Amino acid sequence: MHYYKTVITDVGPEVRDLLEGGVLILYAEGAPPELAEVSVLHRAEPAHAEAPRAGSRLRIGEVSAQVSAVGPTAWNKVHEMGHVVINFNGASTAERPGEICVQPVDMDALLASIRSGTLIEIIDL
């Protein structure tokens, strides 16, 4: 099942710095400039009504990570504004209500995947 599927349209200049801290911010196209600077912008697509569960898989291009936790408001933000914070910390409980936690990945490979045209999806295997 696909929970979410979208395509990167632009990458803010501060995305690399945030990724070094293990955080990736997604925002739909049209985000205010101060948010676009720190975000991966994407073409907003309808999200599945049901939020992904721990054990689902996040794919960004060729890089894949298992979802470990979903904050209680994270999926609402995906629906409302195409926005989510992805934390690559592998936490079993989200520290912030609007984040999705996933297992750590090779950040160099992830950085190489984050470019215009790359597919992002959250799926159930």
N, C-alpha and C. Protein backbone atom coordinates (compact mmCIF):
# COMPACT_ATOMS: atom_id res chain seq x y z
N MET A 1 0.84 -1.19 0.00
CA MET A 1 0.00 0.00 0.00
C MET A 1 0.88 1.24 0.00
N HIS A 2 0.50 2.23 -0.78
CA HIS A 2 1.18 3.52 -0.79
C HIS A 2 0.49 4.45 0.20
N TYR A 3 1.23 4.92 1.19
CA TYR A 3 0.71 5.95 2.09
C TYR A 3 0.90 7.32 1.46
N TYR A 4 2.04 7.46 0.78
CA TYR A 4 2.36 8.76 0.20
C TYR A 4 3.32 8.57 -0.96
N LYS A 5 3.16 9.38 -1.99
CA LYS A 5 4.03 9.34 -3.15
C LYS A 5 4.10 10.75 -3.72
N THR A 6 5.32 11.26 -3.90
CA THR A 6 5.49 12.61 -4.41
C THR A 6 6.83 12.71 -5.11
N VAL A 7 7.06 13.82 -5.81
CA VAL A 7 8.30 14.04 -6.55
C VAL A 7 8.93 15.36 -6.09
N ILE A 8 10.23 15.32 -5.83
CA ILE A 8 10.96 16.53 -5.43
C ILE A 8 10.99 17.51 -6.60
N THR A 9 10.69 18.79 -6.30
CA THR A 9 10.74 19.82 -7.33
C THR A 9 11.87 20.82 -7.09
N ASP A 10 12.31 20.98 -5.83
CA ASP A 10 13.39 21.92 -5.53
C ASP A 10 13.98 21.57 -4.17
N VAL A 11 15.23 21.97 -3.96
CA VAL A 11 15.92 21.68 -2.71
C VAL A 11 16.48 22.98 -2.15
N GLY A 12 16.06 23.33 -0.93
CA GLY A 12 16.53 24.56 -0.29
C GLY A 12 18.02 24.52 0.01
N PRO A 13 18.67 25.69 0.05
CA PRO A 13 20.11 25.75 0.26
C PRO A 13 20.57 25.26 1.64
N GLU A 14 19.66 25.21 2.61
CA GLU A 14 20.06 24.79 3.97
C GLU A 14 19.71 23.33 4.27
N VAL A 15 19.20 22.60 3.29
CA VAL A 15 18.81 21.20 3.49
C VAL A 15 20.01 20.36 3.91
N ARG A 16 21.15 20.56 3.27
CA ARG A 16 22.36 19.79 3.59
C ARG A 16 22.73 19.93 5.07
N ASP A 17 22.69 21.16 5.59
CA ASP A 17 23.04 21.39 7.00
C ASP A 17 22.10 20.64 7.94
N LEU A 18 20.81 20.67 7.65
CA LEU A 18 19.84 19.97 8.49
C LEU A 18 20.05 18.46 8.41
N LEU A 19 20.35 17.97 7.22
CA LEU A 19 20.57 16.53 7.06
C LEU A 19 21.78 16.05 7.86
N GLU A 20 22.78 16.91 8.00
CA GLU A 20 23.94 16.54 8.81
C GLU A 20 23.52 16.28 10.25
N GLY A 21 22.42 16.92 10.68
CA GLY A 21 21.85 16.69 12.00
C GLY A 21 20.80 15.59 12.01
N GLY A 22 20.61 14.93 10.85
CA GLY A 22 19.68 13.82 10.77
C GLY A 22 18.23 14.19 10.54
N VAL A 23 17.98 15.43 10.08
CA VAL A 23 16.60 15.90 9.90
C VAL A 23 16.37 16.33 8.46
N LEU A 24 15.23 15.92 7.91
CA LEU A 24 14.81 16.31 6.57
C LEU A 24 13.41 16.89 6.67
N ILE A 25 13.22 18.08 6.10
CA ILE A 25 11.91 18.73 6.13
C ILE A 25 11.34 18.74 4.71
N LEU A 26 10.12 18.24 4.57
CA LEU A 26 9.41 18.27 3.29
C LEU A 26 8.31 19.32 3.37
N TYR A 27 8.17 20.09 2.31
CA TYR A 27 7.10 21.07 2.21
C TYR A 27 6.59 21.07 0.77
N ALA A 28 5.30 21.25 0.61
CA ALA A 28 4.72 21.34 -0.73
C ALA A 28 5.21 22.61 -1.41
N GLU A 29 5.23 22.57 -2.75
CA GLU A 29 5.58 23.77 -3.53
C GLU A 29 4.73 24.94 -3.05
N GLY A 30 5.32 26.13 -3.09
CA GLY A 30 4.59 27.32 -2.67
C GLY A 30 4.83 27.67 -1.21
N ALA A 31 5.72 26.96 -0.54
CA ALA A 31 6.04 27.27 0.86
C ALA A 31 6.65 28.67 0.93
N PRO A 32 6.43 29.38 2.04
CA PRO A 32 7.05 30.70 2.21
C PRO A 32 8.57 30.59 2.09
N PRO A 33 9.24 31.64 1.58
CA PRO A 33 10.69 31.58 1.33
C PRO A 33 11.52 31.13 2.53
N GLU A 34 11.17 31.58 3.74
CA GLU A 34 11.96 31.19 4.92
C GLU A 34 11.84 29.69 5.21
N LEU A 35 10.73 29.08 4.84
CA LEU A 35 10.58 27.63 4.99
C LEU A 35 11.20 26.89 3.82
N ALA A 36 11.10 27.46 2.63
CA ALA A 36 11.67 26.82 1.44
C ALA A 36 13.19 26.68 1.56
N GLU A 37 13.84 27.60 2.25
CA GLU A 37 15.30 27.56 2.41
C GLU A 37 15.78 26.30 3.11
N VAL A 38 14.96 25.77 4.03
CA VAL A 38 15.37 24.62 4.84
C VAL A 38 14.66 23.34 4.42
N SER A 39 13.90 23.41 3.32
CA SER A 39 13.03 22.30 2.95
C SER A 39 13.33 21.71 1.59
N VAL A 40 12.90 20.46 1.45
CA VAL A 40 12.82 19.81 0.14
C VAL A 40 11.39 20.07 -0.32
N LEU A 41 11.25 20.81 -1.40
CA LEU A 41 9.92 21.12 -1.92
C LEU A 41 9.48 20.01 -2.86
N HIS A 42 8.18 19.75 -2.84
CA HIS A 42 7.65 18.66 -3.66
C HIS A 42 6.26 19.02 -4.15
N ARG A 43 5.85 18.29 -5.16
CA ARG A 43 4.52 18.44 -5.73
C ARG A 43 3.55 17.71 -4.80
N ALA A 44 2.68 18.43 -4.14
CA ALA A 44 1.77 17.81 -3.17
C ALA A 44 0.83 16.83 -3.86
N GLU A 45 0.75 15.64 -3.30
CA GLU A 45 -0.12 14.59 -3.80
C GLU A 45 -1.05 14.19 -2.65
N PRO A 46 -2.24 13.68 -2.95
CA PRO A 46 -3.11 13.23 -1.86
C PRO A 46 -2.45 12.09 -1.08
N ALA A 47 -2.53 12.18 0.23
CA ALA A 47 -1.98 11.14 1.10
C ALA A 47 -3.08 10.15 1.45
N HIS A 48 -2.67 8.93 1.74
CA HIS A 48 -3.61 7.91 2.20
C HIS A 48 -4.22 8.39 3.52
N ALA A 49 -5.48 8.08 3.76
CA ALA A 49 -6.16 8.53 4.98
C ALA A 49 -5.49 7.99 6.24
N GLU A 50 -5.01 6.77 6.15
CA GLU A 50 -4.40 6.12 7.30
C GLU A 50 -2.91 6.47 7.37
N ALA A 51 -2.43 6.81 8.57
CA ALA A 51 -1.01 7.13 8.75
C ALA A 51 -0.17 5.87 8.65
N PRO A 52 1.07 6.00 8.17
CA PRO A 52 1.94 4.83 8.14
C PRO A 52 2.23 4.33 9.55
N ARG A 53 2.57 3.05 9.65
CA ARG A 53 2.89 2.45 10.94
C ARG A 53 4.38 2.20 11.02
N ALA A 54 4.85 1.97 12.23
CA ALA A 54 6.23 1.52 12.40
C ALA A 54 6.38 0.24 11.58
N GLY A 55 7.48 0.15 10.86
CA GLY A 55 7.69 -0.99 9.99
C GLY A 55 7.42 -0.67 8.53
N SER A 56 6.69 0.43 8.26
CA SER A 56 6.51 0.88 6.88
C SER A 56 7.87 1.33 6.36
N ARG A 57 7.95 1.64 5.09
CA ARG A 57 9.23 1.99 4.50
C ARG A 57 9.16 3.34 3.81
N LEU A 58 10.14 4.20 4.11
CA LEU A 58 10.33 5.48 3.42
C LEU A 58 11.38 5.26 2.34
N ARG A 59 11.07 5.66 1.11
CA ARG A 59 12.04 5.59 0.03
C ARG A 59 12.23 6.99 -0.54
N ILE A 60 13.50 7.36 -0.68
CA ILE A 60 13.85 8.62 -1.34
C ILE A 60 14.85 8.23 -2.42
N GLY A 61 14.38 8.15 -3.65
CA GLY A 61 15.22 7.64 -4.72
C GLY A 61 15.62 6.21 -4.41
N GLU A 62 16.92 5.95 -4.39
CA GLU A 62 17.43 4.60 -4.13
C GLU A 62 17.64 4.32 -2.64
N VAL A 63 17.47 5.34 -1.80
CA VAL A 63 17.70 5.18 -0.36
C VAL A 63 16.39 4.80 0.32
N SER A 64 16.46 3.81 1.20
CA SER A 64 15.28 3.29 1.86
C SER A 64 15.54 3.16 3.36
N ALA A 65 14.52 3.49 4.16
CA ALA A 65 14.66 3.39 5.63
C ALA A 65 13.33 2.93 6.21
N GLN A 66 13.41 2.15 7.26
CA GLN A 66 12.21 1.67 7.95
C GLN A 66 11.69 2.76 8.88
N VAL A 67 10.37 2.98 8.84
CA VAL A 67 9.72 3.93 9.75
C VAL A 67 9.72 3.31 11.15
N SER A 68 10.15 4.09 12.14
CA SER A 68 10.20 3.58 13.51
C SER A 68 9.15 4.21 14.41
N ALA A 69 8.66 5.42 14.07
CA ALA A 69 7.62 6.08 14.87
C ALA A 69 6.97 7.18 14.04
N VAL A 70 5.70 7.45 14.32
CA VAL A 70 4.96 8.52 13.65
C VAL A 70 4.30 9.37 14.74
N GLY A 71 4.66 10.66 14.78
CA GLY A 71 4.07 11.56 15.77
C GLY A 71 2.57 11.71 15.55
N PRO A 72 1.82 12.06 16.61
CA PRO A 72 0.36 12.10 16.53
C PRO A 72 -0.21 13.12 15.56
N THR A 73 0.52 14.20 15.23
CA THR A 73 -0.02 15.19 14.29
C THR A 73 0.70 15.16 12.94
N ALA A 74 1.69 14.31 12.78
CA ALA A 74 2.50 14.30 11.55
C ALA A 74 1.66 14.06 10.31
N TRP A 75 0.76 13.09 10.35
CA TRP A 75 0.00 12.76 9.15
C TRP A 75 -1.01 13.83 8.81
N ASN A 76 -1.57 14.52 9.83
CA ASN A 76 -2.48 15.63 9.56
C ASN A 76 -1.77 16.72 8.77
N LYS A 77 -0.52 17.01 9.11
CA LYS A 77 0.23 18.05 8.40
C LYS A 77 0.53 17.64 6.96
N VAL A 78 0.75 16.36 6.74
CA VAL A 78 0.96 15.87 5.38
C VAL A 78 -0.31 16.15 4.56
N HIS A 79 -1.46 15.83 5.14
CA HIS A 79 -2.74 16.05 4.45
C HIS A 79 -3.01 17.53 4.22
N GLU A 80 -2.82 18.36 5.24
CA GLU A 80 -3.19 19.77 5.17
C GLU A 80 -2.27 20.61 4.30
N MET A 81 -0.95 20.38 4.41
CA MET A 81 -0.03 21.28 3.72
C MET A 81 1.16 20.59 3.07
N GLY A 82 1.11 19.29 2.94
CA GLY A 82 2.24 18.59 2.32
C GLY A 82 3.53 18.77 3.09
N HIS A 83 3.41 18.88 4.42
CA HIS A 83 4.57 19.16 5.27
C HIS A 83 4.81 18.03 6.26
N VAL A 84 6.08 17.65 6.40
CA VAL A 84 6.45 16.69 7.43
C VAL A 84 7.94 16.84 7.74
N VAL A 85 8.29 16.56 8.98
CA VAL A 85 9.68 16.51 9.40
C VAL A 85 10.04 15.03 9.54
N ILE A 86 11.11 14.63 8.87
CA ILE A 86 11.59 13.25 8.96
C ILE A 86 12.89 13.26 9.75
N ASN A 87 12.91 12.49 10.83
CA ASN A 87 14.07 12.42 11.69
C ASN A 87 14.70 11.03 11.53
N PHE A 88 15.95 11.01 11.12
CA PHE A 88 16.65 9.75 10.88
C PHE A 88 17.34 9.25 12.15
N ASN A 89 16.61 9.22 13.25
CA ASN A 89 17.19 8.86 14.55
C ASN A 89 16.80 7.45 15.02
N GLY A 90 15.89 6.79 14.31
CA GLY A 90 15.50 5.43 14.68
C GLY A 90 14.71 5.34 15.97
N ALA A 91 14.20 6.47 16.47
CA ALA A 91 13.47 6.49 17.75
C ALA A 91 12.18 5.67 17.66
N SER A 92 11.84 5.01 18.76
CA SER A 92 10.60 4.22 18.79
C SER A 92 9.40 5.07 19.18
N THR A 93 9.66 6.29 19.65
CA THR A 93 8.62 7.27 19.96
C THR A 93 9.06 8.63 19.42
N ALA A 94 8.18 9.30 18.69
CA ALA A 94 8.53 10.61 18.13
C ALA A 94 8.63 11.63 19.26
N GLU A 95 9.74 12.39 19.28
CA GLU A 95 9.93 13.41 20.30
C GLU A 95 8.99 14.60 20.09
N ARG A 96 8.75 14.93 18.80
CA ARG A 96 7.86 16.03 18.47
C ARG A 96 6.63 15.46 17.78
N PRO A 97 5.46 16.02 18.04
CA PRO A 97 4.22 15.44 17.50
C PRO A 97 4.13 15.45 15.98
N GLY A 98 4.85 16.36 15.31
CA GLY A 98 4.74 16.48 13.86
C GLY A 98 5.82 15.78 13.07
N GLU A 99 6.54 14.84 13.69
CA GLU A 99 7.63 14.20 12.97
C GLU A 99 7.38 12.72 12.74
N ILE A 100 8.04 12.23 11.70
CA ILE A 100 8.10 10.80 11.43
C ILE A 100 9.55 10.39 11.65
N CYS A 101 9.77 9.39 12.49
CA CYS A 101 11.12 8.89 12.76
C CYS A 101 11.37 7.66 11.90
N VAL A 102 12.58 7.59 11.35
CA VAL A 102 12.99 6.44 10.55
C VAL A 102 14.38 6.01 10.99
N GLN A 103 14.76 4.80 10.59
CA GLN A 103 16.08 4.28 10.91
C GLN A 103 17.16 5.12 10.23
N PRO A 104 18.33 5.23 10.83
CA PRO A 104 19.43 5.97 10.19
C PRO A 104 19.80 5.36 8.84
N VAL A 105 20.29 6.22 7.94
CA VAL A 105 20.72 5.79 6.61
C VAL A 105 22.09 6.41 6.32
N ASP A 106 22.69 6.00 5.22
CA ASP A 106 23.93 6.60 4.75
C ASP A 106 23.59 8.01 4.25
N MET A 107 24.01 9.03 4.99
CA MET A 107 23.63 10.41 4.66
C MET A 107 24.24 10.88 3.34
N ASP A 108 25.42 10.39 2.98
CA ASP A 108 26.00 10.78 1.69
C ASP A 108 25.13 10.25 0.55
N ALA A 109 24.67 9.02 0.67
CA ALA A 109 23.79 8.45 -0.36
C ALA A 109 22.47 9.21 -0.40
N LEU A 110 21.95 9.58 0.77
CA LEU A 110 20.70 10.33 0.83
C LEU A 110 20.86 11.69 0.17
N LEU A 111 21.94 12.39 0.50
CA LEU A 111 22.19 13.70 -0.11
C LEU A 111 22.27 13.60 -1.63
N ALA A 112 22.91 12.55 -2.12
CA ALA A 112 23.02 12.35 -3.56
C ALA A 112 21.66 12.11 -4.20
N SER A 113 20.71 11.54 -3.44
CA SER A 113 19.38 11.24 -3.97
C SER A 113 18.44 12.45 -3.95
N ILE A 114 18.75 13.42 -3.12
CA ILE A 114 17.84 14.55 -2.95
C ILE A 114 18.11 15.59 -4.03
N ARG A 115 17.31 15.49 -5.09
CA ARG A 115 17.42 16.43 -6.20
C ARG A 115 16.08 16.46 -6.94
N SER A 116 15.88 17.48 -7.71
CA SER A 116 14.65 17.63 -8.47
C SER A 116 14.40 16.39 -9.31
N GLY A 117 13.18 15.89 -9.27
CA GLY A 117 12.79 14.73 -10.06
C GLY A 117 12.82 13.41 -9.29
N THR A 118 13.41 13.40 -8.09
CA THR A 118 13.49 12.18 -7.29
C THR A 118 12.13 11.86 -6.68
N LEU A 119 11.77 10.59 -6.72
CA LEU A 119 10.52 10.11 -6.14
C LEU A 119 10.70 9.88 -4.64
N ILE A 120 9.73 10.33 -3.86
CA ILE A 120 9.67 10.05 -2.42
C ILE A 120 8.38 9.28 -2.19
N GLU A 121 8.47 8.16 -1.47
CA GLU A 121 7.25 7.42 -1.16
C GLU A 121 7.36 6.76 0.21
N ILE A 122 6.21 6.59 0.81
CA ILE A 122 6.09 5.83 2.05
C ILE A 122 5.14 4.69 1.74
N ILE A 123 5.64 3.46 1.92
CA ILE A 123 4.86 2.29 1.53
C ILE A 123 4.85 1.26 2.65
N ASP A 124 3.89 0.38 2.56
CA ASP A 124 3.83 -0.79 3.43
C ASP A 124 4.32 -1.96 2.60
N LEU A 125 5.23 -2.72 3.15
CA LEU A 125 5.78 -3.85 2.38
C LEU A 125 4.90 -5.08 2.54
